[in-house]
């Protein structure tokens, strides 16, 4: 199975803020329960590790209470 780039998950949040449960459900629907993700610097991440990475790197930020949204200023452009 090939890994999915984190940009695919970030793009899901670009126009549609979601809470953690909603993003997990959307990722599972789109990519499957066993999906693995990669970024420019990390590989082999499950959804838990990916979400932690995105939050830590401020690539997603919380808005409107528990909703997360893409922080476009922190997204690399490749």
PDB file of N, CA and C in Angstrom:
ATOM      1  N   UNK A   1       0.844  -1.183   0.000  1.00  0.00           N
ATOM      2  CA  UNK A   1       0.000   0.000   0.000  1.00  0.00           C
ATOM      3  C   UNK A   1       0.884   1.240   0.000  1.00  0.00           C
ATOM      4  N   UNK A   2       0.576   2.198  -0.855  1.00  0.00           N
ATOM      5  CA  UNK A   2       1.345   3.432  -0.865  1.00  0.00           C
ATOM      6  C   UNK A   2       0.816   4.392   0.189  1.00  0.00           C
ATOM      7  N   UNK A   3       1.688   5.252   0.632  1.00  0.00           N
ATOM      8  CA  UNK A   3       1.318   6.225   1.653  1.00  0.00           C
ATOM      9  C   UNK A   3       0.669   7.448   1.014  1.00  0.00           C
ATOM     10  N   UNK A   4      -0.216   8.066   1.754  1.00  0.00           N
ATOM     11  CA  UNK A   4      -0.935   9.253   1.306  1.00  0.00           C
ATOM     12  C   UNK A   4      -0.214  10.481   1.835  1.00  0.00           C
ATOM     13  N   UNK A   5      -0.014  11.473   0.988  1.00  0.00           N
ATOM     14  CA  UNK A   5       0.652  12.692   1.435  1.00  0.00           C
ATOM     15  C   UNK A   5      -0.289  13.467   2.349  1.00  0.00           C
ATOM     16  N   UNK A   6       0.265  14.055   3.379  1.00  0.00           N
ATOM     17  CA  UNK A   6      -0.509  14.828   4.354  1.00  0.00           C
ATOM     18  C   UNK A   6      -1.277  15.970   3.698  1.00  0.00           C
ATOM     19  N   UNK A   7      -0.818  16.460   2.567  1.00  0.00           N
ATOM     20  CA  UNK A   7      -1.542  17.529   1.876  1.00  0.00           C
ATOM     21  C   UNK A   7      -2.970  17.110   1.541  1.00  0.00           C
ATOM     22  N   UNK A   8      -3.179  15.828   1.286  1.00  0.00           N
ATOM     23  CA  UNK A   8      -4.536  15.366   0.996  1.00  0.00           C
ATOM     24  C   UNK A   8      -5.452  15.571   2.192  1.00  0.00           C
ATOM     25  N   UNK A   9      -4.937  15.362   3.383  1.00  0.00           N
ATOM     26  CA  UNK A   9      -5.723  15.595   4.601  1.00  0.00           C
ATOM     27  C   UNK A   9      -5.881  17.097   4.831  1.00  0.00           C
ATOM     28  N   UNK A  10      -4.816  17.842   4.659  1.00  0.00           N
ATOM     29  CA  UNK A  10      -4.889  19.296   4.845  1.00  0.00           C
ATOM     30  C   UNK A  10      -5.899  19.924   3.892  1.00  0.00           C
ATOM     31  N   UNK A  11      -5.931  19.435   2.660  1.00  0.00           N
ATOM     32  CA  UNK A  11      -6.874  19.979   1.680  1.00  0.00           C
ATOM     33  C   UNK A  11      -8.316  19.734   2.094  1.00  0.00           C
ATOM     34  N   UNK A  12      -8.562  18.663   2.840  1.00  0.00           N
ATOM     35  CA  UNK A  12      -9.919  18.392   3.334  1.00  0.00           C
ATOM     36  C   UNK A  12     -10.365  19.494   4.306  1.00  0.00           C
ATOM     37  N   UNK A  13      -9.408  20.114   4.987  1.00  0.00           N
ATOM     38  CA  UNK A  13      -9.713  21.148   5.968  1.00  0.00           C
ATOM     39  C   UNK A  13      -9.665  22.560   5.385  1.00  0.00           C
ATOM     40  N   UNK A  14      -9.216  22.690   4.161  1.00  0.00           N
ATOM     41  CA  UNK A  14      -9.034  24.010   3.570  1.00  0.00           C
ATOM     42  C   UNK A  14     -10.331  24.818   3.539  1.00  0.00           C
ATOM     43  N   UNK A  15     -11.413  24.203   3.133  1.00  0.00           N
ATOM     44  CA  UNK A  15     -12.679  24.924   3.002  1.00  0.00           C
ATOM     45  C   UNK A  15     -13.756  24.422   3.945  1.00  0.00           C
ATOM     46  N   UNK A  16     -13.402  23.416   4.757  1.00  0.00           N
ATOM     47  CA  UNK A  16     -14.411  22.781   5.581  1.00  0.00           C
ATOM     48  C   UNK A  16     -13.860  22.484   6.969  1.00  0.00           C
ATOM     49  N   UNK A  17     -13.918  23.436   7.886  1.00  0.00           N
ATOM     50  CA  UNK A  17     -13.459  23.158   9.252  1.00  0.00           C
ATOM     51  C   UNK A  17     -14.206  21.962   9.839  1.00  0.00           C
ATOM     52  N   UNK A  18     -13.478  21.094  10.524  1.00  0.00           N
ATOM     53  CA  UNK A  18     -14.063  19.900  11.133  1.00  0.00           C
ATOM     54  C   UNK A  18     -13.484  19.714  12.524  1.00  0.00           C
ATOM     55  N   UNK A  19     -14.255  19.076  13.394  1.00  0.00           N
ATOM     56  CA  UNK A  19     -13.705  18.709  14.690  1.00  0.00           C
ATOM     57  C   UNK A  19     -12.904  17.411  14.528  1.00  0.00           C
ATOM     58  N   UNK A  20     -12.248  16.993  15.590  1.00  0.00           N
ATOM     59  CA  UNK A  20     -11.368  15.824  15.489  1.00  0.00           C
ATOM     60  C   UNK A  20     -12.125  14.574  15.041  1.00  0.00           C
ATOM     61  N   UNK A  21     -13.281  14.351  15.582  1.00  0.00           N
ATOM     62  CA  UNK A  21     -14.067  13.172  15.214  1.00  0.00           C
ATOM     63  C   UNK A  21     -14.469  13.217  13.741  1.00  0.00           C
ATOM     64  N   UNK A  22     -14.854  14.390  13.257  1.00  0.00           N
ATOM     65  CA  UNK A  22     -15.248  14.537  11.857  1.00  0.00           C
ATOM     66  C   UNK A  22     -14.071  14.300  10.917  1.00  0.00           C
ATOM     67  N   UNK A  23     -12.889  14.835  11.259  1.00  0.00           N
ATOM     68  CA  UNK A  23     -11.728  14.637  10.378  1.00  0.00           C
ATOM     69  C   UNK A  23     -11.317  13.173  10.369  1.00  0.00           C
ATOM     70  N   UNK A  24     -11.357  12.518  11.510  1.00  0.00           N
ATOM     71  CA  UNK A  24     -11.019  11.079  11.551  1.00  0.00           C
ATOM     72  C   UNK A  24     -11.987  10.279  10.677  1.00  0.00           C
ATOM     73  N   UNK A  25     -13.275  10.583  10.773  1.00  0.00           N
ATOM     74  CA  UNK A  25     -14.281   9.880   9.970  1.00  0.00           C
ATOM     75  C   UNK A  25     -14.076  10.159   8.474  1.00  0.00           C
ATOM     76  N   UNK A  26     -13.803  11.404   8.124  1.00  0.00           N
ATOM     77  CA  UNK A  26     -13.591  11.762   6.720  1.00  0.00           C
ATOM     78  C   UNK A  26     -12.350  11.070   6.157  1.00  0.00           C
ATOM     79  N   UNK A  27     -11.290  11.023   6.945  1.00  0.00           N
ATOM     80  CA  UNK A  27     -10.045  10.365   6.506  1.00  0.00           C
ATOM     81  C   UNK A  27     -10.289   8.867   6.332  1.00  0.00           C
ATOM     82  N   UNK A  28     -11.015   8.256   7.246  1.00  0.00           N
ATOM     83  CA  UNK A  28     -11.308   6.828   7.139  1.00  0.00           C
ATOM     84  C   UNK A  28     -12.154   6.536   5.903  1.00  0.00           C
ATOM     85  N   UNK A  29     -13.163   7.359   5.652  1.00  0.00           N
ATOM     86  CA  UNK A  29     -14.001   7.190   4.457  1.00  0.00           C
ATOM     87  C   UNK A  29     -13.175   7.317   3.185  1.00  0.00           C
ATOM     88  N   UNK A  30     -12.315   8.321   3.154  1.00  0.00           N
ATOM     89  CA  UNK A  30     -11.551   8.624   1.944  1.00  0.00           C
ATOM     90  C   UNK A  30     -10.404   7.652   1.701  1.00  0.00           C
ATOM     91  N   UNK A  31      -9.689   7.275   2.758  1.00  0.00           N
ATOM     92  CA  UNK A  31      -8.444   6.531   2.584  1.00  0.00           C
ATOM     93  C   UNK A  31      -8.431   5.155   3.242  1.00  0.00           C
ATOM     94  N   UNK A  32      -9.418   4.846   4.064  1.00  0.00           N
ATOM     95  CA  UNK A  32      -9.475   3.547   4.729  1.00  0.00           C
ATOM     96  C   UNK A  32      -8.906   3.599   6.136  1.00  0.00           C
ATOM     97  N   UNK A  33      -9.281   2.608   6.933  1.00  0.00           N
ATOM     98  CA  UNK A  33      -8.879   2.572   8.343  1.00  0.00           C
ATOM     99  C   UNK A  33      -7.389   2.356   8.540  1.00  0.00           C
ATOM    100  N   UNK A  34      -6.754   1.657   7.625  1.00  0.00           N
ATOM    101  CA  UNK A  34      -5.339   1.312   7.783  1.00  0.00           C
ATOM    102  C   UNK A  34      -4.408   2.225   7.003  1.00  0.00           C
ATOM    103  N   UNK A  35      -4.910   3.369   6.559  1.00  0.00           N
ATOM    104  CA  UNK A  35      -4.100   4.283   5.747  1.00  0.00           C
ATOM    105  C   UNK A  35      -2.864   4.747   6.504  1.00  0.00           C
ATOM    106  N   UNK A  36      -1.787   4.897   5.774  1.00  0.00           N
ATOM    107  CA  UNK A  36      -0.540   5.455   6.301  1.00  0.00           C
ATOM    108  C   UNK A  36      -0.265   6.743   5.533  1.00  0.00           C
ATOM    109  N   UNK A  37       0.361   7.691   6.227  1.00  0.00           N
ATOM    110  CA  UNK A  37       0.569   9.022   5.671  1.00  0.00           C
ATOM    111  C   UNK A  37       2.038   9.405   5.732  1.00  0.00           C
ATOM    112  N   UNK A  38       2.409  10.339   4.862  1.00  0.00           N
ATOM    113  CA  UNK A  38       3.774  10.868   4.896  1.00  0.00           C
ATOM    114  C   UNK A  38       3.749  12.365   4.658  1.00  0.00           C
ATOM    115  N   UNK A  39       4.828  13.007   5.084  1.00  0.00           N
ATOM    116  CA  UNK A  39       5.061  14.430   4.835  1.00  0.00           C
ATOM    117  C   UNK A  39       6.425  14.536   4.177  1.00  0.00           C
ATOM    118  N   UNK A  40       6.911  15.740   4.041  1.00  0.00           N
ATOM    119  CA  UNK A  40       8.249  15.934   3.487  1.00  0.00           C
ATOM    120  C   UNK A  40       9.323  15.324   4.387  1.00  0.00           C
ATOM    121  N   UNK A  41       9.035  15.267   5.692  1.00  0.00           N
ATOM    122  CA  UNK A  41      10.065  14.846   6.639  1.00  0.00           C
ATOM    123  C   UNK A  41       9.774  13.547   7.383  1.00  0.00           C
ATOM    124  N   UNK A  42       8.551  13.042   7.326  1.00  0.00           N
ATOM    125  CA  UNK A  42       8.191  11.835   8.085  1.00  0.00           C
ATOM    126  C   UNK A  42       7.386  10.884   7.210  1.00  0.00           C
ATOM    127  N   UNK A  43       7.547   9.604   7.476  1.00  0.00           N
ATOM    128  CA  UNK A  43       6.816   8.582   6.740  1.00  0.00           C
ATOM    129  C   UNK A  43       6.181   7.604   7.720  1.00  0.00           C
ATOM    130  N   UNK A  44       5.230   6.822   7.208  1.00  0.00           N
ATOM    131  CA  UNK A  44       4.644   5.732   7.964  1.00  0.00           C
ATOM    132  C   UNK A  44       3.755   6.141   9.123  1.00  0.00           C
ATOM    133  N   UNK A  45       3.136   7.302   9.043  1.00  0.00           N
ATOM    134  CA  UNK A  45       2.302   7.777  10.145  1.00  0.00           C
ATOM    135  C   UNK A  45       0.876   7.249  10.010  1.00  0.00           C
ATOM    136  N   UNK A  46       0.304   6.826  11.143  1.00  0.00           N
ATOM    137  CA  UNK A  46      -1.124   6.534  11.158  1.00  0.00           C
ATOM    138  C   UNK A  46      -1.847   7.859  11.402  1.00  0.00           C
ATOM    139  N   UNK A  47      -3.170   7.822  11.421  1.00  0.00           N
ATOM    140  CA  UNK A  47      -3.930   9.066  11.560  1.00  0.00           C
ATOM    141  C   UNK A  47      -3.631   9.765  12.875  1.00  0.00           C
ATOM    142  N   UNK A  48      -3.453   9.006  13.944  1.00  0.00           N
ATOM    143  CA  UNK A  48      -3.147   9.595  15.249  1.00  0.00           C
ATOM    144  C   UNK A  48      -1.843  10.388  15.205  1.00  0.00           C
ATOM    145  N   UNK A  49      -0.818   9.767  14.654  1.00  0.00           N
ATOM    146  CA  UNK A  49       0.498  10.404  14.561  1.00  0.00           C
ATOM    147  C   UNK A  49       0.448  11.593  13.617  1.00  0.00           C
ATOM    148  N   UNK A  50      -0.268  11.449  12.505  1.00  0.00           N
ATOM    149  CA  UNK A  50      -0.381  12.551  11.550  1.00  0.00           C
ATOM    150  C   UNK A  50      -1.061  13.761  12.180  1.00  0.00           C
ATOM    151  N   UNK A  51      -2.178  13.553  12.862  1.00  0.00           N
ATOM    152  CA  UNK A  51      -2.877  14.684  13.477  1.00  0.00           C
ATOM    153  C   UNK A  51      -2.008  15.368  14.525  1.00  0.00           C
ATOM    154  N   UNK A  52      -1.291  14.595  15.311  1.00  0.00           N
ATOM    155  CA  UNK A  52      -0.378  15.182  16.299  1.00  0.00           C
ATOM    156  C   UNK A  52       0.691  16.017  15.607  1.00  0.00           C
ATOM    157  N   UNK A  53       1.245  15.494  14.527  1.00  0.00           N
ATOM    158  CA  UNK A  53       2.257  16.202  13.749  1.00  0.00           C
ATOM    159  C   UNK A  53       1.697  17.521  13.200  1.00  0.00           C
ATOM    160  N   UNK A  54       0.510  17.480  12.620  1.00  0.00           N
ATOM    161  CA  UNK A  54      -0.092  18.679  12.020  1.00  0.00           C
ATOM    162  C   UNK A  54      -0.378  19.750  13.066  1.00  0.00           C
ATOM    163  N   UNK A  55      -0.811  19.328  14.235  1.00  0.00           N
ATOM    164  CA  UNK A  55      -1.081  20.278  15.316  1.00  0.00           C
ATOM    165  C   UNK A  55       0.228  20.867  15.834  1.00  0.00           C
ATOM    166  N   UNK A  56       1.202  20.000  16.076  1.00  0.00           N
ATOM    167  CA  UNK A  56       2.500  20.458  16.596  1.00  0.00           C
ATOM    168  C   UNK A  56       3.162  21.453  15.650  1.00  0.00           C
ATOM    169  N   UNK A  57       3.074  21.206  14.356  1.00  0.00           N
ATOM    170  CA  UNK A  57       3.693  22.083  13.360  1.00  0.00           C
ATOM    171  C   UNK A  57       2.802  23.258  12.981  1.00  0.00           C
ATOM    172  N   UNK A  58       1.671  23.383  13.653  1.00  0.00           N
ATOM    173  CA  UNK A  58       0.698  24.457  13.434  1.00  0.00           C
ATOM    174  C   UNK A  58       0.222  24.532  11.979  1.00  0.00           C
ATOM    175  N   UNK A  59       0.123  23.366  11.353  1.00  0.00           N
ATOM    176  CA  UNK A  59      -0.415  23.296   9.995  1.00  0.00           C
ATOM    177  C   UNK A  59      -1.938  23.287  10.027  1.00  0.00           C
ATOM    178  N   UNK A  60      -2.485  22.927  11.182  1.00  0.00           N
ATOM    179  CA  UNK A  60      -3.918  23.075  11.445  1.00  0.00           C
ATOM    180  C   UNK A  60      -4.056  23.829  12.751  1.00  0.00           C
ATOM    181  N   UNK A  61      -5.102  24.627  12.832  1.00  0.00           N
ATOM    182  CA  UNK A  61      -5.356  25.394  14.045  1.00  0.00           C
ATOM    183  C   UNK A  61      -6.826  25.246  14.420  1.00  0.00           C
ATOM    184  N   UNK A  62      -7.093  25.399  15.706  1.00  0.00           N
ATOM    185  CA  UNK A  62      -8.461  25.313  16.195  1.00  0.00           C
ATOM    186  C   UNK A  62      -9.155  26.655  16.055  1.00  0.00           C
ATOM    187  N   UNK A  63     -10.345  26.613  15.524  1.00  0.00           N
ATOM    188  CA  UNK A  63     -11.211  27.795  15.404  1.00  0.00           C
ATOM    189  C   UNK A  63     -12.612  27.377  15.797  1.00  0.00           C
ATOM    190  N   UNK A  64     -13.456  28.331  16.079  1.00  0.00           N
ATOM    191  CA  UNK A  64     -14.865  28.047  16.359  1.00  0.00           C
ATOM    192  C   UNK A  64     -15.017  26.905  17.366  1.00  0.00           C
ATOM    193  N   UNK A  65     -14.389  27.025  18.511  1.00  0.00           N
ATOM    194  CA  UNK A  65     -14.514  25.994  19.543  1.00  0.00           C
ATOM    195  C   UNK A  65     -13.638  24.796  19.264  1.00  0.00           C
ATOM    196  N   UNK A  66     -14.251  23.701  18.807  1.00  0.00           N
ATOM    197  CA  UNK A  66     -13.485  22.470  18.595  1.00  0.00           C
ATOM    198  C   UNK A  66     -13.197  22.181  17.131  1.00  0.00           C
ATOM    199  N   UNK A  67     -13.466  23.119  16.250  1.00  0.00           N
ATOM    200  CA  UNK A  67     -13.226  22.916  14.814  1.00  0.00           C
ATOM    201  C   UNK A  67     -11.767  23.195  14.463  1.00  0.00           C
ATOM    202  N   UNK A  68     -11.220  22.395  13.558  1.00  0.00           N
ATOM    203  CA  UNK A  68      -9.866  22.594  13.046  1.00  0.00           C
ATOM    204  C   UNK A  68      -9.963  23.094  11.622  1.00  0.00           C
ATOM    205  N   UNK A  69      -8.997  23.919  11.242  1.00  0.00           N
ATOM    206  CA  UNK A  69      -8.939  24.447   9.887  1.00  0.00           C
ATOM    207  C   UNK A  69      -7.480  24.498   9.436  1.00  0.00           C
ATOM    208  N   UNK A  70      -7.286  24.465   8.152  1.00  0.00           N
ATOM    209  CA  UNK A  70      -5.947  24.561   7.572  1.00  0.00           C
ATOM    210  C   UNK A  70      -5.339  25.917   7.880  1.00  0.00           C
ATOM    211  N   UNK A  71      -4.084  25.926   8.290  1.00  0.00           N
ATOM    212  CA  UNK A  71      -3.314  27.152   8.446  1.00  0.00           C
ATOM    213  C   UNK A  71      -2.453  27.267   7.187  1.00  0.00           C
ATOM    214  N   UNK A  72      -3.008  27.873   6.144  1.00  0.00           N
ATOM    215  CA  UNK A  72      -2.364  27.917   4.834  1.00  0.00           C
ATOM    216  C   UNK A  72      -0.966  28.531   4.880  1.00  0.00           C
ATOM    217  N   UNK A  73      -0.719  29.423   5.815  1.00  0.00           N
ATOM    218  CA  UNK A  73       0.602  30.044   5.927  1.00  0.00           C
ATOM    219  C   UNK A  73       1.676  29.045   6.316  1.00  0.00           C
ATOM    220  N   UNK A  74       1.283  27.903   6.910  1.00  0.00           N
ATOM    221  CA  UNK A  74       2.250  26.905   7.367  1.00  0.00           C
ATOM    222  C   UNK A  74       2.330  25.694   6.434  1.00  0.00           C
ATOM    223  N   UNK A  75       1.612  25.727   5.334  1.00  0.00           N
ATOM    224  CA  UNK A  75       1.607  24.605   4.403  1.00  0.00           C
ATOM    225  C   UNK A  75       2.677  24.835   3.348  1.00  0.00           C
ATOM    226  N   UNK A  76       3.534  23.839   3.143  1.00  0.00           N
ATOM    227  CA  UNK A  76       4.563  23.990   2.119  1.00  0.00           C
ATOM    228  C   UNK A  76       3.908  23.966   0.741  1.00  0.00           C
ATOM    229  N   UNK A  77       4.573  24.493  -0.234  1.00  0.00           N
ATOM    230  CA  UNK A  77       3.947  24.681  -1.546  1.00  0.00           C
ATOM    231  C   UNK A  77       4.607  23.832  -2.630  1.00  0.00           C
ATOM    232  N   UNK A  78       4.515  22.562  -2.479  1.00  0.00           N
ATOM    233  CA  UNK A  78       5.018  21.690  -3.560  1.00  0.00           C
ATOM    234  C   UNK A  78       3.933  20.787  -4.037  1.00  0.00           C
TER     235      UNK A  78
END
